[in-house]
Amino acid sequence: MRRLSSTVVVVAGDGSAELVAGLDRLHNVRAIPRGELRPAEVMEIAARSGATYVVHDADPLADVAAAWTAFFDGTGVAGALEVAIEAAIEELRADRLVLPDYYLVVDPDGMPETWRHWWLGVLAGAAPVRVVPVHASAAAVAEELGRLTAGRWWPADLRAWLRELPRVVPDRAGLPAPLTNLAGTG
């Protein structure tokens, strides 16, 4: 999986396109509102940028997130999550999509519960400092850009991590796995 020379930040949540557009005036920030662009087209633009930060709203895992939340909300179609996972793996493997360095999640407290579990459980559980809640304003997003800290990258075996998602239950997402019976009693 390729990584870009800029720090790539996805703004996710309600109003993210407007927030991204509001950042274009910042020095060393290349803001790319998705609009009608496909995520792969946003990645092409991002790859050519020399800015310190590339900020966009084209989440490379958007289809996986939507299928995961629908699966656990009971509104999804059988097999849709697995199809979305395999499509994302192929796009990432082919370098048409790139996982961002950070996700700035707009007002997660106002999100439906399963979506909140996706952002602050599933994704934050995989790479804790790479998922940051933020208030819904361009100023808050801009301020957060200056406070991003280094931390664990996304899982090394991205395929295995993605393929395990159907077994990641929302209210357990991001929590440590339960201890097994180490004493051997049963």
N, C-alpha and C. Protein backbone atom coordinates (compact mmCIF):
# COMPACT_ATOMS: atom_id res chain seq x y z
N MET A 1 0.84 -1.18 0.00
CA MET A 1 0.00 0.00 0.00
C MET A 1 0.89 1.24 0.00
N ARG A 2 0.60 2.15 -0.90
CA ARG A 2 1.42 3.35 -1.01
C ARG A 2 1.01 4.38 0.03
N ARG A 3 1.97 5.24 0.35
CA ARG A 3 1.72 6.38 1.21
C ARG A 3 2.19 7.62 0.47
N LEU A 4 1.51 8.71 0.68
CA LEU A 4 1.85 9.95 0.00
C LEU A 4 2.84 10.75 0.83
N SER A 5 3.53 11.69 0.19
CA SER A 5 4.51 12.51 0.91
C SER A 5 3.85 13.54 1.82
N SER A 6 2.64 13.95 1.48
CA SER A 6 1.89 14.88 2.33
C SER A 6 1.22 14.10 3.46
N THR A 7 0.85 14.79 4.53
CA THR A 7 0.01 14.19 5.56
C THR A 7 -1.42 14.26 5.05
N VAL A 8 -2.02 13.08 4.87
CA VAL A 8 -3.36 13.00 4.29
C VAL A 8 -4.38 12.90 5.41
N VAL A 9 -5.37 13.78 5.37
CA VAL A 9 -6.40 13.83 6.41
C VAL A 9 -7.77 13.75 5.74
N VAL A 10 -8.58 12.81 6.20
CA VAL A 10 -9.97 12.70 5.74
C VAL A 10 -10.85 13.34 6.81
N VAL A 11 -11.69 14.26 6.38
CA VAL A 11 -12.72 14.82 7.27
C VAL A 11 -13.98 14.03 6.99
N ALA A 12 -14.53 13.42 8.04
CA ALA A 12 -15.67 12.51 7.88
C ALA A 12 -16.83 12.95 8.76
N GLY A 13 -18.03 12.80 8.24
CA GLY A 13 -19.22 13.13 9.01
C GLY A 13 -20.05 14.18 8.29
N ASP A 14 -21.16 14.53 8.90
CA ASP A 14 -22.07 15.52 8.31
C ASP A 14 -21.37 16.85 8.07
N GLY A 15 -21.55 17.38 6.87
CA GLY A 15 -20.99 18.68 6.53
C GLY A 15 -19.51 18.66 6.21
N SER A 16 -18.94 17.48 6.02
CA SER A 16 -17.49 17.40 5.81
C SER A 16 -17.04 18.12 4.53
N ALA A 17 -17.83 18.06 3.47
CA ALA A 17 -17.44 18.72 2.21
C ALA A 17 -17.29 20.23 2.41
N GLU A 18 -18.21 20.82 3.14
CA GLU A 18 -18.15 22.25 3.39
C GLU A 18 -16.96 22.60 4.28
N LEU A 19 -16.68 21.74 5.24
CA LEU A 19 -15.53 21.99 6.12
C LEU A 19 -14.23 21.92 5.34
N VAL A 20 -14.12 20.92 4.46
CA VAL A 20 -12.91 20.79 3.64
C VAL A 20 -12.75 22.02 2.75
N ALA A 21 -13.82 22.43 2.11
CA ALA A 21 -13.76 23.60 1.24
C ALA A 21 -13.32 24.85 2.01
N GLY A 22 -13.68 24.94 3.26
CA GLY A 22 -13.31 26.09 4.10
C GLY A 22 -11.85 26.12 4.50
N LEU A 23 -11.10 25.08 4.18
CA LEU A 23 -9.69 25.02 4.56
C LEU A 23 -8.75 25.44 3.43
N ASP A 24 -9.29 25.67 2.25
CA ASP A 24 -8.47 25.94 1.09
C ASP A 24 -7.63 27.20 1.23
N ARG A 25 -8.00 28.11 2.10
CA ARG A 25 -7.28 29.37 2.27
C ARG A 25 -6.03 29.20 3.15
N LEU A 26 -5.88 28.05 3.80
CA LEU A 26 -4.76 27.85 4.72
C LEU A 26 -3.46 27.57 3.97
N HIS A 27 -2.39 28.14 4.48
CA HIS A 27 -1.06 27.92 3.93
C HIS A 27 -0.66 26.46 4.18
N ASN A 28 -0.06 25.82 3.21
CA ASN A 28 0.41 24.44 3.28
C ASN A 28 -0.70 23.41 3.40
N VAL A 29 -1.93 23.78 3.05
CA VAL A 29 -3.05 22.84 3.04
C VAL A 29 -3.63 22.79 1.64
N ARG A 30 -3.71 21.60 1.09
CA ARG A 30 -4.41 21.41 -0.19
C ARG A 30 -5.74 20.78 0.16
N ALA A 31 -6.80 21.54 0.07
CA ALA A 31 -8.15 21.06 0.38
C ALA A 31 -8.79 20.55 -0.91
N ILE A 32 -9.30 19.32 -0.86
CA ILE A 32 -9.92 18.72 -2.04
C ILE A 32 -11.32 18.23 -1.68
N PRO A 33 -12.33 19.08 -1.81
CA PRO A 33 -13.70 18.59 -1.59
C PRO A 33 -14.03 17.57 -2.68
N ARG A 34 -14.60 16.46 -2.30
CA ARG A 34 -14.86 15.39 -3.27
C ARG A 34 -15.82 15.81 -4.36
N GLY A 35 -16.93 16.43 -4.00
CA GLY A 35 -17.93 16.82 -4.98
C GLY A 35 -18.31 15.65 -5.87
N GLU A 36 -18.15 15.80 -7.17
CA GLU A 36 -18.50 14.76 -8.13
C GLU A 36 -17.35 13.81 -8.42
N LEU A 37 -16.21 14.02 -7.79
CA LEU A 37 -15.05 13.18 -8.05
C LEU A 37 -15.19 11.80 -7.39
N ARG A 38 -14.65 10.80 -8.05
CA ARG A 38 -14.56 9.47 -7.43
C ARG A 38 -13.40 9.50 -6.44
N PRO A 39 -13.42 8.65 -5.40
CA PRO A 39 -12.30 8.64 -4.45
C PRO A 39 -10.94 8.45 -5.12
N ALA A 40 -10.87 7.61 -6.15
CA ALA A 40 -9.60 7.40 -6.84
C ALA A 40 -9.12 8.68 -7.52
N GLU A 41 -10.04 9.50 -8.02
CA GLU A 41 -9.66 10.78 -8.63
C GLU A 41 -9.13 11.75 -7.58
N VAL A 42 -9.73 11.73 -6.40
CA VAL A 42 -9.23 12.56 -5.30
C VAL A 42 -7.81 12.12 -4.95
N MET A 43 -7.55 10.81 -4.94
CA MET A 43 -6.22 10.30 -4.63
C MET A 43 -5.20 10.74 -5.68
N GLU A 44 -5.61 10.77 -6.94
CA GLU A 44 -4.70 11.23 -8.00
C GLU A 44 -4.30 12.69 -7.77
N ILE A 45 -5.26 13.52 -7.43
CA ILE A 45 -4.97 14.93 -7.15
C ILE A 45 -4.08 15.04 -5.91
N ALA A 46 -4.40 14.27 -4.88
CA ALA A 46 -3.62 14.30 -3.64
C ALA A 46 -2.17 13.88 -3.88
N ALA A 47 -1.96 12.88 -4.72
CA ALA A 47 -0.61 12.37 -4.99
C ALA A 47 0.27 13.42 -5.67
N ARG A 48 -0.33 14.34 -6.39
CA ARG A 48 0.43 15.39 -7.08
C ARG A 48 0.68 16.61 -6.20
N SER A 49 0.11 16.64 -5.02
CA SER A 49 0.22 17.81 -4.16
C SER A 49 1.57 17.83 -3.43
N GLY A 50 2.11 19.02 -3.29
CA GLY A 50 3.32 19.20 -2.51
C GLY A 50 3.04 19.85 -1.17
N ALA A 51 1.76 20.02 -0.85
CA ALA A 51 1.39 20.68 0.41
C ALA A 51 1.74 19.80 1.61
N THR A 52 1.93 20.42 2.74
CA THR A 52 2.19 19.67 3.97
C THR A 52 1.00 18.78 4.31
N TYR A 53 -0.21 19.34 4.18
CA TYR A 53 -1.44 18.59 4.46
C TYR A 53 -2.30 18.53 3.21
N VAL A 54 -2.84 17.36 2.93
CA VAL A 54 -3.88 17.19 1.93
C VAL A 54 -5.12 16.78 2.71
N VAL A 55 -6.15 17.60 2.64
CA VAL A 55 -7.38 17.34 3.40
C VAL A 55 -8.51 17.14 2.40
N HIS A 56 -9.24 16.03 2.57
CA HIS A 56 -10.35 15.75 1.66
C HIS A 56 -11.45 15.00 2.41
N ASP A 57 -12.56 14.76 1.71
CA ASP A 57 -13.69 14.06 2.31
C ASP A 57 -14.05 12.79 1.54
N ALA A 58 -13.08 12.23 0.81
CA ALA A 58 -13.30 11.01 0.02
C ALA A 58 -12.74 9.81 0.78
N ASP A 59 -13.44 9.37 1.78
CA ASP A 59 -13.00 8.27 2.63
C ASP A 59 -12.81 6.99 1.81
N PRO A 60 -11.61 6.43 1.80
CA PRO A 60 -11.38 5.20 1.04
C PRO A 60 -12.13 4.00 1.60
N LEU A 61 -12.57 4.08 2.84
CA LEU A 61 -13.32 2.99 3.46
C LEU A 61 -14.81 3.31 3.60
N ALA A 62 -15.30 4.29 2.87
CA ALA A 62 -16.70 4.71 3.00
C ALA A 62 -17.67 3.57 2.72
N ASP A 63 -17.43 2.81 1.66
CA ASP A 63 -18.35 1.71 1.33
C ASP A 63 -18.29 0.61 2.39
N VAL A 64 -17.11 0.36 2.92
CA VAL A 64 -16.98 -0.64 3.99
C VAL A 64 -17.72 -0.15 5.23
N ALA A 65 -17.54 1.12 5.57
CA ALA A 65 -18.21 1.69 6.75
C ALA A 65 -19.73 1.60 6.61
N ALA A 66 -20.23 1.98 5.44
CA ALA A 66 -21.68 1.93 5.22
C ALA A 66 -22.21 0.50 5.29
N ALA A 67 -21.47 -0.43 4.71
CA ALA A 67 -21.91 -1.84 4.74
C ALA A 67 -21.81 -2.41 6.15
N TRP A 68 -20.77 -2.03 6.90
CA TRP A 68 -20.60 -2.52 8.27
C TRP A 68 -21.74 -2.01 9.16
N THR A 69 -22.03 -0.72 9.06
CA THR A 69 -23.11 -0.17 9.91
C THR A 69 -24.45 -0.76 9.51
N ALA A 70 -24.69 -0.94 8.21
CA ALA A 70 -25.96 -1.55 7.77
C ALA A 70 -26.05 -3.00 8.23
N PHE A 71 -24.95 -3.72 8.18
CA PHE A 71 -24.91 -5.12 8.63
C PHE A 71 -25.34 -5.21 10.09
N PHE A 72 -24.76 -4.37 10.94
CA PHE A 72 -25.07 -4.45 12.36
C PHE A 72 -26.36 -3.73 12.74
N ASP A 73 -26.85 -2.85 11.89
CA ASP A 73 -28.16 -2.24 12.12
C ASP A 73 -29.29 -3.14 11.61
N GLY A 74 -28.93 -4.19 10.89
CA GLY A 74 -29.93 -5.11 10.35
C GLY A 74 -30.63 -4.58 9.10
N THR A 75 -30.03 -3.60 8.45
CA THR A 75 -30.65 -3.03 7.26
C THR A 75 -29.89 -3.39 5.98
N GLY A 76 -28.78 -4.10 6.12
CA GLY A 76 -27.95 -4.43 4.97
C GLY A 76 -28.42 -5.66 4.23
N VAL A 77 -27.91 -5.81 3.03
CA VAL A 77 -28.18 -6.96 2.19
C VAL A 77 -27.13 -8.02 2.50
N ALA A 78 -27.55 -9.28 2.54
CA ALA A 78 -26.61 -10.37 2.83
C ALA A 78 -25.44 -10.32 1.86
N GLY A 79 -24.23 -10.38 2.40
CA GLY A 79 -23.02 -10.41 1.59
C GLY A 79 -22.48 -9.04 1.20
N ALA A 80 -23.23 -7.98 1.44
CA ALA A 80 -22.79 -6.64 1.03
C ALA A 80 -21.51 -6.21 1.74
N LEU A 81 -21.38 -6.55 3.01
CA LEU A 81 -20.18 -6.17 3.75
C LEU A 81 -18.95 -6.87 3.17
N GLU A 82 -19.07 -8.15 2.91
CA GLU A 82 -17.95 -8.90 2.35
C GLU A 82 -17.56 -8.36 0.97
N VAL A 83 -18.54 -8.02 0.16
CA VAL A 83 -18.27 -7.46 -1.17
C VAL A 83 -17.55 -6.11 -1.03
N ALA A 84 -18.01 -5.27 -0.12
CA ALA A 84 -17.38 -3.96 0.09
C ALA A 84 -15.94 -4.13 0.58
N ILE A 85 -15.72 -5.09 1.46
CA ILE A 85 -14.36 -5.35 1.97
C ILE A 85 -13.44 -5.78 0.84
N GLU A 86 -13.87 -6.72 0.04
CA GLU A 86 -13.03 -7.21 -1.06
C GLU A 86 -12.76 -6.11 -2.08
N ALA A 87 -13.75 -5.28 -2.36
CA ALA A 87 -13.54 -4.16 -3.29
C ALA A 87 -12.52 -3.17 -2.73
N ALA A 88 -12.61 -2.88 -1.43
CA ALA A 88 -11.65 -1.96 -0.81
C ALA A 88 -10.25 -2.55 -0.83
N ILE A 89 -10.13 -3.84 -0.54
CA ILE A 89 -8.82 -4.50 -0.58
C ILE A 89 -8.21 -4.37 -1.97
N GLU A 90 -9.00 -4.60 -2.99
CA GLU A 90 -8.51 -4.51 -4.37
C GLU A 90 -8.08 -3.09 -4.71
N GLU A 91 -8.86 -2.09 -4.32
CA GLU A 91 -8.52 -0.70 -4.61
C GLU A 91 -7.25 -0.27 -3.86
N LEU A 92 -7.11 -0.71 -2.61
CA LEU A 92 -5.92 -0.39 -1.84
C LEU A 92 -4.69 -1.11 -2.41
N ARG A 93 -4.87 -2.39 -2.77
CA ARG A 93 -3.77 -3.17 -3.33
C ARG A 93 -3.27 -2.56 -4.64
N ALA A 94 -4.20 -2.07 -5.46
CA ALA A 94 -3.86 -1.48 -6.75
C ALA A 94 -3.40 -0.02 -6.61
N ASP A 95 -3.34 0.49 -5.40
CA ASP A 95 -2.92 1.86 -5.12
C ASP A 95 -3.84 2.92 -5.73
N ARG A 96 -5.07 2.56 -6.01
CA ARG A 96 -6.05 3.55 -6.48
C ARG A 96 -6.61 4.32 -5.29
N LEU A 97 -6.59 3.70 -4.13
CA LEU A 97 -6.99 4.35 -2.88
C LEU A 97 -5.85 4.23 -1.88
N VAL A 98 -5.81 5.19 -0.96
CA VAL A 98 -4.79 5.22 0.07
C VAL A 98 -5.47 5.52 1.40
N LEU A 99 -5.13 4.75 2.43
CA LEU A 99 -5.66 5.08 3.75
C LEU A 99 -5.04 6.39 4.20
N PRO A 100 -5.83 7.25 4.81
CA PRO A 100 -5.28 8.53 5.25
C PRO A 100 -4.38 8.36 6.46
N ASP A 101 -3.59 9.39 6.70
CA ASP A 101 -2.80 9.40 7.92
C ASP A 101 -3.71 9.61 9.13
N TYR A 102 -4.78 10.39 8.92
CA TYR A 102 -5.72 10.71 10.01
C TYR A 102 -7.13 10.82 9.48
N TYR A 103 -8.07 10.50 10.35
CA TYR A 103 -9.49 10.81 10.14
C TYR A 103 -9.87 11.84 11.18
N LEU A 104 -10.44 12.96 10.77
CA LEU A 104 -11.04 13.91 11.69
C LEU A 104 -12.54 13.69 11.58
N VAL A 105 -13.13 13.21 12.65
CA VAL A 105 -14.54 12.81 12.66
C VAL A 105 -15.37 13.94 13.25
N VAL A 106 -16.25 14.48 12.43
CA VAL A 106 -17.06 15.65 12.80
C VAL A 106 -18.18 15.25 13.76
N ASP A 107 -18.16 15.86 14.92
CA ASP A 107 -19.20 15.70 15.95
C ASP A 107 -19.73 14.26 16.08
N PRO A 108 -18.90 13.32 16.49
CA PRO A 108 -19.36 11.93 16.60
C PRO A 108 -20.48 11.73 17.61
N ASP A 109 -20.60 12.61 18.60
CA ASP A 109 -21.67 12.46 19.59
C ASP A 109 -23.05 12.60 18.96
N GLY A 110 -23.15 13.30 17.85
CA GLY A 110 -24.43 13.48 17.17
C GLY A 110 -24.73 12.40 16.14
N MET A 111 -23.82 11.45 15.98
CA MET A 111 -24.00 10.40 14.98
C MET A 111 -24.87 9.27 15.52
N PRO A 112 -25.50 8.51 14.64
CA PRO A 112 -26.17 7.29 15.08
C PRO A 112 -25.15 6.37 15.76
N GLU A 113 -25.63 5.59 16.70
CA GLU A 113 -24.74 4.80 17.55
C GLU A 113 -23.80 3.88 16.77
N THR A 114 -24.30 3.19 15.77
CA THR A 114 -23.45 2.25 15.05
C THR A 114 -22.36 2.98 14.28
N TRP A 115 -22.68 4.14 13.72
CA TRP A 115 -21.65 4.94 13.04
C TRP A 115 -20.59 5.40 14.04
N ARG A 116 -21.02 5.81 15.21
CA ARG A 116 -20.06 6.22 16.24
C ARG A 116 -19.15 5.04 16.59
N HIS A 117 -19.70 3.83 16.68
CA HIS A 117 -18.87 2.65 16.95
C HIS A 117 -17.88 2.39 15.82
N TRP A 118 -18.29 2.66 14.57
CA TRP A 118 -17.37 2.49 13.45
C TRP A 118 -16.15 3.40 13.63
N TRP A 119 -16.43 4.70 13.84
CA TRP A 119 -15.32 5.66 13.92
C TRP A 119 -14.49 5.51 15.18
N LEU A 120 -15.16 5.50 16.32
CA LEU A 120 -14.43 5.56 17.59
C LEU A 120 -14.14 4.18 18.18
N GLY A 121 -14.67 3.14 17.54
CA GLY A 121 -14.40 1.77 17.98
C GLY A 121 -13.55 1.04 16.98
N VAL A 122 -14.11 0.76 15.82
CA VAL A 122 -13.40 -0.03 14.80
C VAL A 122 -12.13 0.68 14.34
N LEU A 123 -12.26 1.88 13.80
CA LEU A 123 -11.08 2.57 13.27
C LEU A 123 -10.13 3.03 14.37
N ALA A 124 -10.66 3.62 15.42
CA ALA A 124 -9.79 4.06 16.51
C ALA A 124 -9.15 2.87 17.22
N GLY A 125 -9.82 1.74 17.25
CA GLY A 125 -9.22 0.55 17.84
C GLY A 125 -8.04 0.05 17.04
N ALA A 126 -8.08 0.25 15.73
CA ALA A 126 -6.98 -0.19 14.86
C ALA A 126 -5.78 0.75 14.93
N ALA A 127 -6.03 2.04 15.08
CA ALA A 127 -4.96 3.04 15.11
C ALA A 127 -5.44 4.23 15.94
N PRO A 128 -5.32 4.13 17.27
CA PRO A 128 -5.97 5.09 18.18
C PRO A 128 -5.73 6.57 17.92
N VAL A 129 -4.51 7.03 17.70
CA VAL A 129 -4.28 8.47 17.54
C VAL A 129 -4.61 8.95 16.14
N ARG A 130 -4.98 8.06 15.25
CA ARG A 130 -5.25 8.42 13.86
C ARG A 130 -6.72 8.75 13.60
N VAL A 131 -7.55 8.64 14.62
CA VAL A 131 -8.97 8.98 14.52
C VAL A 131 -9.26 10.00 15.61
N VAL A 132 -9.60 11.22 15.18
CA VAL A 132 -9.72 12.33 16.12
C VAL A 132 -11.10 12.98 15.99
N PRO A 133 -11.87 13.03 17.08
CA PRO A 133 -13.15 13.76 17.03
C PRO A 133 -12.87 15.26 16.93
N VAL A 134 -13.74 15.96 16.20
CA VAL A 134 -13.56 17.40 16.02
C VAL A 134 -14.93 18.06 15.89
N HIS A 135 -15.02 19.31 16.35
CA HIS A 135 -16.27 20.06 16.21
C HIS A 135 -16.48 20.45 14.75
N ALA A 136 -17.72 20.70 14.41
CA ALA A 136 -18.10 20.99 13.02
C ALA A 136 -17.86 22.44 12.64
N SER A 137 -16.58 22.81 12.53
CA SER A 137 -16.24 24.13 12.01
C SER A 137 -14.88 24.04 11.34
N ALA A 138 -14.71 24.82 10.29
CA ALA A 138 -13.42 24.83 9.60
C ALA A 138 -12.31 25.28 10.54
N ALA A 139 -12.61 26.20 11.45
CA ALA A 139 -11.61 26.66 12.41
C ALA A 139 -11.17 25.53 13.33
N ALA A 140 -12.12 24.71 13.79
CA ALA A 140 -11.77 23.58 14.66
C ALA A 140 -10.94 22.54 13.91
N VAL A 141 -11.30 22.29 12.66
CA VAL A 141 -10.53 21.35 11.85
C VAL A 141 -9.12 21.89 11.62
N ALA A 142 -9.00 23.16 11.27
CA ALA A 142 -7.69 23.79 11.05
C ALA A 142 -6.84 23.72 12.31
N GLU A 143 -7.44 23.99 13.45
CA GLU A 143 -6.71 23.94 14.72
C GLU A 143 -6.23 22.51 15.00
N GLU A 144 -7.08 21.53 14.70
CA GLU A 144 -6.72 20.14 14.96
C GLU A 144 -5.56 19.69 14.08
N LEU A 145 -5.46 20.22 12.88
CA LEU A 145 -4.35 19.85 12.00
C LEU A 145 -3.00 20.11 12.68
N GLY A 146 -2.91 21.20 13.40
CA GLY A 146 -1.67 21.55 14.09
C GLY A 146 -1.40 20.73 15.33
N ARG A 147 -2.36 19.94 15.77
CA ARG A 147 -2.19 19.15 16.99
C ARG A 147 -2.08 17.65 16.74
N LEU A 148 -2.11 17.23 15.49
CA LEU A 148 -2.05 15.79 15.20
C LEU A 148 -0.72 15.22 15.68
N THR A 149 -0.78 14.07 16.31
CA THR A 149 0.43 13.45 16.85
C THR A 149 0.70 12.13 16.15
N ALA A 150 1.94 11.73 16.17
CA ALA A 150 2.33 10.45 15.57
C ALA A 150 1.85 9.30 16.45
N GLY A 151 1.63 8.19 15.84
CA GLY A 151 1.20 7.01 16.58
C GLY A 151 1.17 5.81 15.67
N ARG A 152 0.71 4.72 16.21
CA ARG A 152 0.64 3.47 15.47
C ARG A 152 -0.09 3.66 14.15
N TRP A 153 0.49 3.10 13.08
CA TRP A 153 -0.11 3.15 11.76
C TRP A 153 -1.22 2.12 11.69
N TRP A 154 -1.93 2.08 10.61
CA TRP A 154 -2.99 1.10 10.40
C TRP A 154 -2.41 -0.30 10.46
N PRO A 155 -3.24 -1.31 10.67
CA PRO A 155 -2.70 -2.67 10.81
C PRO A 155 -1.81 -3.06 9.62
N ALA A 156 -0.70 -3.74 9.94
CA ALA A 156 0.24 -4.16 8.90
C ALA A 156 -0.43 -5.12 7.91
N ASP A 157 -1.24 -6.02 8.42
CA ASP A 157 -1.96 -6.95 7.55
C ASP A 157 -3.37 -6.40 7.34
N LEU A 158 -3.45 -5.44 6.44
CA LEU A 158 -4.70 -4.74 6.19
C LEU A 158 -5.80 -5.68 5.69
N ARG A 159 -5.44 -6.64 4.85
CA ARG A 159 -6.42 -7.59 4.33
C ARG A 159 -7.07 -8.38 5.46
N ALA A 160 -6.24 -8.92 6.35
CA ALA A 160 -6.78 -9.71 7.47
C ALA A 160 -7.65 -8.83 8.36
N TRP A 161 -7.21 -7.60 8.63
CA TRP A 161 -7.99 -6.70 9.48
C TRP A 161 -9.35 -6.42 8.85
N LEU A 162 -9.36 -6.09 7.57
CA LEU A 162 -10.62 -5.80 6.90
C LEU A 162 -11.53 -7.03 6.86
N ARG A 163 -10.96 -8.18 6.57
CA ARG A 163 -11.77 -9.40 6.47
C ARG A 163 -12.32 -9.85 7.82
N GLU A 164 -11.76 -9.35 8.90
CA GLU A 164 -12.25 -9.68 10.25
C GLU A 164 -13.42 -8.78 10.66
N LEU A 165 -13.68 -7.71 9.93
CA LEU A 165 -14.71 -6.74 10.32
C LEU A 165 -16.11 -7.32 10.53
N PRO A 166 -16.56 -8.33 9.75
CA PRO A 166 -17.90 -8.87 10.02
C PRO A 166 -18.04 -9.48 11.43
N ARG A 167 -16.92 -9.77 12.07
CA ARG A 167 -16.96 -10.34 13.42
C ARG A 167 -16.69 -9.30 14.52
N VAL A 168 -16.54 -8.04 14.12
CA VAL A 168 -16.30 -6.97 15.09
C VAL A 168 -17.65 -6.36 15.45
N VAL A 169 -18.12 -6.69 16.64
CA VAL A 169 -19.44 -6.27 17.11
C VAL A 169 -19.37 -4.81 17.60
N PRO A 170 -20.34 -3.97 17.21
CA PRO A 170 -20.26 -2.54 17.52
C PRO A 170 -19.93 -2.18 18.96
N ASP A 171 -20.62 -2.74 19.93
CA ASP A 171 -20.35 -2.30 21.30
C ASP A 171 -19.09 -2.93 21.89
N ARG A 172 -18.40 -3.76 21.13
CA ARG A 172 -17.11 -4.33 21.55
C ARG A 172 -15.97 -3.82 20.69
N ALA A 173 -16.27 -3.04 19.65
CA ALA A 173 -15.25 -2.55 18.73
C ALA A 173 -14.23 -1.68 19.45
N GLY A 174 -12.98 -1.97 19.23
CA GLY A 174 -11.90 -1.19 19.83
C GLY A 174 -11.52 -1.61 21.22
N LEU A 175 -12.27 -2.54 21.82
CA LEU A 175 -11.95 -3.02 23.15
C LEU A 175 -11.02 -4.22 23.06
N PRO A 176 -10.20 -4.46 24.08
CA PRO A 176 -9.32 -5.63 24.03
C PRO A 176 -10.15 -6.91 24.00
N ALA A 177 -9.60 -7.93 23.37
CA ALA A 177 -10.27 -9.23 23.32
C ALA A 177 -10.35 -9.80 24.72
N PRO A 178 -11.42 -10.55 25.02
CA PRO A 178 -11.53 -11.14 26.36
C PRO A 178 -10.42 -12.16 26.57
N LEU A 179 -9.98 -12.28 27.82
CA LEU A 179 -8.96 -13.26 28.17
C LEU A 179 -9.55 -14.65 28.06
N THR A 180 -8.73 -15.57 27.57
CA THR A 180 -9.17 -16.97 27.54
C THR A 180 -8.86 -17.60 28.87
N ASN A 181 -9.36 -18.77 29.08
CA ASN A 181 -9.16 -19.50 30.32
C ASN A 181 -7.72 -19.96 30.38
N LEU A 182 -6.85 -19.21 31.06
CA LEU A 182 -5.43 -19.53 31.12
C LEU A 182 -5.11 -20.62 32.11
N ALA A 183 -5.97 -20.84 33.09
CA ALA A 183 -5.70 -21.84 34.12
C ALA A 183 -5.99 -23.26 33.63
N GLY A 184 -6.70 -23.39 32.53
CA GLY A 184 -6.99 -24.71 32.01
C GLY A 184 -8.15 -25.38 32.74
N THR A 185 -8.85 -24.67 33.59
CA THR A 185 -9.99 -25.26 34.27
C THR A 185 -11.23 -24.97 33.47
N GLY A 186 -12.16 -25.76 33.62
CA GLY A 186 -13.32 -25.44 32.81
C GLY A 186 -14.50 -26.06 33.31
